[in-house]
Protein backbone atom coordinates (compact mmCIF):
# COMPACT_ATOMS: atom_id res chain seq x y z
CA UNK A 1 -109.62 -64.21 175.66
CA UNK A 2 -109.11 -65.13 172.00
CA UNK A 3 -105.91 -67.09 172.48
CA UNK A 4 -103.80 -68.35 169.60
CA UNK A 5 -102.50 -71.88 169.92
CA UNK A 6 -98.84 -71.00 169.43
CA UNK A 7 -98.31 -67.31 170.30
CA UNK A 8 -95.53 -66.58 172.79
CA UNK A 9 -95.27 -63.05 174.18
CA UNK A 10 -91.66 -61.91 174.68
CA UNK A 11 -91.53 -59.40 177.54
CA UNK A 12 -88.30 -57.46 177.63
CA UNK A 13 -86.67 -54.08 177.49
CA UNK A 14 -86.05 -52.96 173.92
CA UNK A 15 -83.88 -49.90 174.35
CA UNK A 16 -80.37 -51.06 173.45
CA UNK A 17 -78.58 -53.42 171.10
CA UNK A 18 -77.90 -55.99 173.83
CA UNK A 19 -81.53 -56.72 174.65
CA UNK A 20 -82.67 -56.38 171.05
CA UNK A 21 -80.16 -58.96 169.81
CA UNK A 22 -81.22 -61.34 172.58
CA UNK A 23 -84.92 -60.74 171.89
CA UNK A 24 -84.49 -61.30 168.16
CA UNK A 25 -82.41 -64.44 168.62
CA UNK A 26 -84.87 -65.93 171.11
CA UNK A 27 -87.77 -65.20 168.74
CA UNK A 28 -85.89 -66.75 165.81
CA UNK A 29 -85.15 -69.92 167.76
CA UNK A 30 -88.68 -70.33 169.14
CA UNK A 31 -90.21 -69.64 165.72
CA UNK A 32 -87.91 -72.26 164.20
CA UNK A 33 -89.43 -74.69 166.71
CA UNK A 34 -92.98 -74.02 165.60
CA UNK A 35 -94.09 -71.12 167.80
CA UNK A 36 -95.16 -67.64 166.75
CA UNK A 37 -93.68 -64.84 168.83
CA UNK A 38 -94.73 -61.33 169.67
CA UNK A 39 -91.38 -59.55 169.35
CA UNK A 40 -92.03 -56.00 170.61
CA UNK A 41 -89.27 -54.28 168.64
CA UNK A 42 -90.63 -55.87 165.44
CA UNK A 43 -94.36 -56.27 165.98
CA UNK A 44 -95.32 -53.45 168.33
CA UNK A 45 -95.35 -49.66 168.19
CA UNK A 46 -92.28 -49.24 170.38
CA UNK A 47 -89.03 -47.35 169.69
CA UNK A 48 -88.66 -46.72 165.92
CA UNK A 49 -92.21 -47.82 165.16
CA UNK A 50 -93.47 -45.41 167.83
CA UNK A 51 -91.95 -42.42 166.04
CA UNK A 52 -93.27 -43.63 162.68
CA UNK A 53 -96.73 -43.92 164.21
CA UNK A 54 -96.42 -40.47 165.79
CA UNK A 55 -95.46 -38.90 162.47
CA UNK A 56 -98.36 -40.64 160.72
CA UNK A 57 -100.79 -39.34 163.34
CA UNK A 58 -99.44 -35.79 162.98
CA UNK A 59 -100.51 -35.76 159.33
CA UNK A 60 -104.18 -36.07 160.25
CA UNK A 61 -104.52 -34.78 163.81
CA UNK A 62 -103.34 -31.94 166.00
CA UNK A 63 -100.00 -32.20 167.80
CA UNK A 64 -101.80 -32.77 171.10
CA UNK A 65 -104.05 -35.49 169.68
CA UNK A 66 -101.13 -37.20 167.91
CA UNK A 67 -99.15 -37.24 171.14
CA UNK A 68 -102.06 -38.76 173.09
CA UNK A 69 -102.73 -41.37 170.40
CA UNK A 70 -99.12 -42.51 170.11
CA UNK A 71 -98.80 -42.63 173.90
CA UNK A 72 -101.75 -44.93 174.62
CA UNK A 73 -102.08 -47.14 171.52
CA UNK A 74 -98.96 -49.28 172.22
CA UNK A 75 -100.39 -50.14 175.65
CA UNK A 76 -103.60 -51.53 174.17
CA UNK A 77 -101.75 -53.26 171.34
CA UNK A 78 -99.27 -55.05 173.59
CA UNK A 79 -101.49 -56.00 176.53
CA UNK A 80 -105.00 -55.94 175.10
CA UNK A 81 -104.24 -57.60 171.77
CA UNK A 82 -101.02 -59.63 171.82
CA UNK A 83 -100.72 -60.57 175.49
CA UNK A 84 -104.39 -61.49 175.74
CA UNK A 85 -104.01 -63.84 172.76
CA UNK A 86 -100.82 -65.50 174.00
CA UNK A 87 -100.53 -68.95 175.50
CA UNK A 88 -97.36 -68.06 177.41
CA UNK A 89 -94.90 -65.26 178.18
CA UNK A 90 -91.11 -65.39 178.30
CA UNK A 91 -89.62 -62.52 180.31
CA UNK A 92 -86.07 -61.16 180.21
CA UNK A 93 -85.33 -60.21 183.83
CA UNK A 94 -81.72 -59.12 183.37
CA UNK A 95 -80.54 -55.72 184.59
CA UNK A 96 -81.72 -53.08 184.29
CA UNK A 97 -85.11 -54.64 185.02
CA UNK A 98 -87.54 -53.09 182.55
CA UNK A 99 -90.63 -51.49 184.11
CA UNK A 100 -92.81 -52.34 181.11
CA UNK A 101 -91.79 -55.98 181.37
CA UNK A 102 -92.79 -56.07 185.04
CA UNK A 103 -96.25 -54.71 184.20
CA UNK A 104 -96.58 -57.22 181.35
CA UNK A 105 -95.78 -60.27 183.45
CA UNK A 106 -98.05 -59.07 186.27
CA UNK A 107 -100.84 -58.72 183.69
CA UNK A 108 -100.09 -62.22 182.39
CA UNK A 109 -100.20 -63.54 185.93
CA UNK A 110 -103.64 -62.03 186.55
CA UNK A 111 -104.81 -63.59 183.26
CA UNK A 112 -103.40 -66.99 184.33
CA UNK A 113 -101.07 -66.98 181.31
CA UNK A 114 -97.86 -68.97 182.04
CA UNK A 115 -94.80 -66.79 182.70
CA UNK A 116 -91.28 -68.15 182.20
CA UNK A 117 -88.72 -65.72 183.62
CA UNK A 118 -85.06 -65.80 182.61
CA UNK A 119 -82.16 -64.12 184.35
CA UNK A 120 -78.54 -64.47 183.25
CA UNK A 121 -77.23 -61.33 184.96
CA UNK A 122 -74.37 -61.56 187.48
CA UNK A 123 -75.41 -58.29 189.11
CA UNK A 124 -77.46 -58.68 192.26
CA UNK A 125 -78.90 -55.40 193.57
CA UNK A 126 -80.31 -56.99 196.73
CA UNK A 127 -77.65 -59.58 197.48
CA UNK A 128 -74.60 -61.15 195.90
CA UNK A 129 -73.74 -63.15 192.81
CA UNK A 130 -74.27 -66.48 194.59
CA UNK A 131 -77.94 -65.76 195.40
CA UNK A 132 -80.38 -68.12 193.71
CA UNK A 133 -82.83 -65.28 193.07
CA UNK A 134 -80.40 -62.38 192.88
CA UNK A 135 -83.06 -59.75 192.29
CA UNK A 136 -85.96 -57.87 193.83
CA UNK A 137 -88.50 -60.67 194.45
CA UNK A 138 -91.51 -58.76 193.09
CA UNK A 139 -90.88 -59.60 189.38
CA UNK A 140 -89.81 -63.14 190.28
CA UNK A 141 -93.09 -63.77 192.10
CA UNK A 142 -94.99 -63.12 188.85
CA UNK A 143 -93.26 -66.12 187.23
CA UNK A 144 -94.55 -69.67 187.08
CA UNK A 145 -90.99 -70.75 186.35
CA UNK A 146 -87.88 -68.66 187.08
CA UNK A 147 -84.72 -69.76 185.27
CA UNK A 148 -81.48 -68.43 186.79
CA UNK A 149 -78.74 -69.27 184.29
CA UNK A 150 -75.02 -68.57 184.34
CA UNK A 151 -73.99 -65.65 182.16
CA UNK A 152 -72.80 -66.97 178.76
CA UNK A 153 -69.15 -66.02 178.20
CA UNK A 154 -66.42 -66.53 175.63
CA UNK A 155 -66.47 -65.79 171.93
CA UNK A 156 -69.45 -65.72 169.60
CA UNK A 157 -69.67 -69.49 169.10
CA UNK A 158 -69.39 -70.22 172.81
CA UNK A 159 -72.04 -67.65 173.69
CA UNK A 160 -74.45 -68.97 171.04
CA UNK A 161 -73.90 -72.55 172.21
CA UNK A 162 -74.62 -71.60 175.83
CA UNK A 163 -77.63 -69.52 174.79
CA UNK A 164 -79.07 -72.45 172.84
CA UNK A 165 -78.86 -74.60 175.97
CA UNK A 166 -80.83 -71.92 177.83
CA UNK A 167 -83.42 -71.76 175.05
CA UNK A 168 -83.79 -75.54 175.16
CA UNK A 169 -84.70 -75.21 178.84
CA UNK A 170 -87.08 -72.32 178.09
CA UNK A 171 -88.89 -74.44 175.50
CA UNK A 172 -89.07 -77.40 177.88
CA UNK A 173 -90.68 -75.21 180.55
CA UNK A 174 -93.00 -73.59 178.01
CA UNK A 175 -94.38 -76.98 177.03
CA UNK A 176 -94.74 -78.00 180.67
CA UNK A 177 -96.50 -74.86 181.88
CA UNK A 178 -98.73 -74.45 178.84
CA UNK A 179 -99.97 -78.00 179.40
CA UNK A 180 -100.50 -77.35 183.12
CA UNK A 181 -102.39 -74.06 182.76
CA UNK A 182 -104.05 -74.18 179.34
CA UNK A 183 -107.39 -75.50 180.64
CA UNK A 184 -107.58 -72.65 183.17
CA UNK A 185 -106.88 -69.74 180.82
CA UNK A 186 -110.43 -68.43 180.68
CA UNK A 187 -112.16 -65.08 180.25
CA UNK A 188 -111.02 -62.73 183.01
CA UNK A 189 -113.64 -60.88 185.06
CA UNK A 190 -111.25 -58.23 186.35
CA UNK A 191 -112.81 -54.91 185.20
CA UNK A 192 -109.43 -53.32 184.42
CA UNK A 193 -108.38 -56.25 182.22
CA UNK A 194 -111.80 -56.27 180.54
CA UNK A 195 -111.41 -52.57 179.70
CA UNK A 196 -107.91 -53.15 178.27
CA UNK A 197 -109.30 -55.89 176.03
CA UNK A 198 -112.29 -53.71 175.10
CA UNK A 199 -109.92 -50.89 174.10
CA UNK A 200 -107.92 -53.35 172.00
CA UNK A 201 -111.10 -54.55 170.28
CA UNK A 202 -112.06 -50.95 169.46
CA UNK A 203 -108.67 -50.20 167.92
CA UNK A 204 -107.77 -53.43 166.13
CA UNK A 205 -110.88 -55.48 165.30
CA UNK A 206 -111.02 -56.42 161.58
CA UNK A 207 -107.58 -54.97 160.87
CA UNK A 208 -104.94 -57.07 159.14
CA UNK A 209 -102.44 -57.28 162.00
CA UNK A 210 -99.67 -58.15 159.56
CA UNK A 211 -100.16 -54.69 158.04
CA UNK A 212 -100.56 -52.50 161.12
CA UNK A 213 -97.35 -50.62 160.43
CA UNK A 214 -98.60 -49.30 157.11
CA UNK A 215 -99.64 -45.67 156.91
CA UNK A 216 -103.23 -46.65 156.09
CA UNK A 217 -103.56 -48.90 159.14
CA UNK A 218 -101.97 -46.32 161.42
CA UNK A 219 -104.46 -43.73 160.20
CA UNK A 220 -107.36 -46.13 160.82
CA UNK A 221 -106.14 -46.89 164.34
CA UNK A 222 -105.69 -43.20 165.12
CA UNK A 223 -109.18 -42.39 163.82
CA UNK A 224 -110.69 -45.13 165.99
CA UNK A 225 -108.90 -43.74 169.01
CA UNK A 226 -110.21 -40.22 168.40
CA UNK A 227 -113.75 -41.50 167.82
CA UNK A 228 -113.59 -43.30 171.18
CA UNK A 229 -111.40 -40.77 172.95
CA UNK A 230 -113.82 -40.45 175.87
CA UNK A 231 -113.51 -44.17 176.66
CA UNK A 232 -109.72 -44.21 176.46
CA UNK A 233 -109.17 -41.08 178.53
CA UNK A 234 -111.65 -42.34 181.14
CA UNK A 235 -109.30 -45.29 181.63
CA UNK A 236 -106.16 -43.14 181.69
CA UNK A 237 -104.62 -41.70 184.86
CA UNK A 238 -105.38 -38.18 186.01
CA UNK A 239 -102.44 -36.03 184.92
CA UNK A 240 -101.17 -33.46 187.44
CA UNK A 241 -98.41 -31.04 186.47
CA UNK A 242 -96.35 -29.21 189.08
CA UNK A 243 -94.12 -26.43 187.80
CA UNK A 244 -91.27 -24.85 189.73
């Protein structure tokens, strides 16, 4: 894996203002401390960027091809490119637990990339508010460090102050686990992971990743996908439709 020395992958849901504010604030604070962050709502092809990418693809390809391209490319961008270049992952494990986040931290685990999980949620689907874990154990077991913090309350200043204390602990554990695992983060022989990285290389090699949201870059990515469509669809699930 072509890891970057300071890239932190932020794994989180990105579908409402609550998580997006938290994601953006965490990225801002970590970047102020010298890290680079993959912030999915900013750097990926999710949510608004997904629809921009879909519209760009529609200009050059059929509706069916554009739909396929925009469906699979974010997967290879997030896991194959950014995750595989990260030195650690910070996961938001508050409710509702995001399915994409769970896949991302499991992938990181298989790649031996440190995973710091954070939960501040009072809700406990499998227990009660006093539980140390307070959540389905499957996501927790993907973490190298699981931080269970009290939910910040009060006004804006109080919440920010409490959040900064949590981020201080996240950074402390990032430093600790990066140091502990860095020498073991080697090329992965798992064939599925190798194919994800291969797909990423096909789509993004030699592109300026700071410009991937431009129309020209989106067109180039889409063209590469179509040229290698056989490879990508061979690694996609069989789709079965059952109609009433």
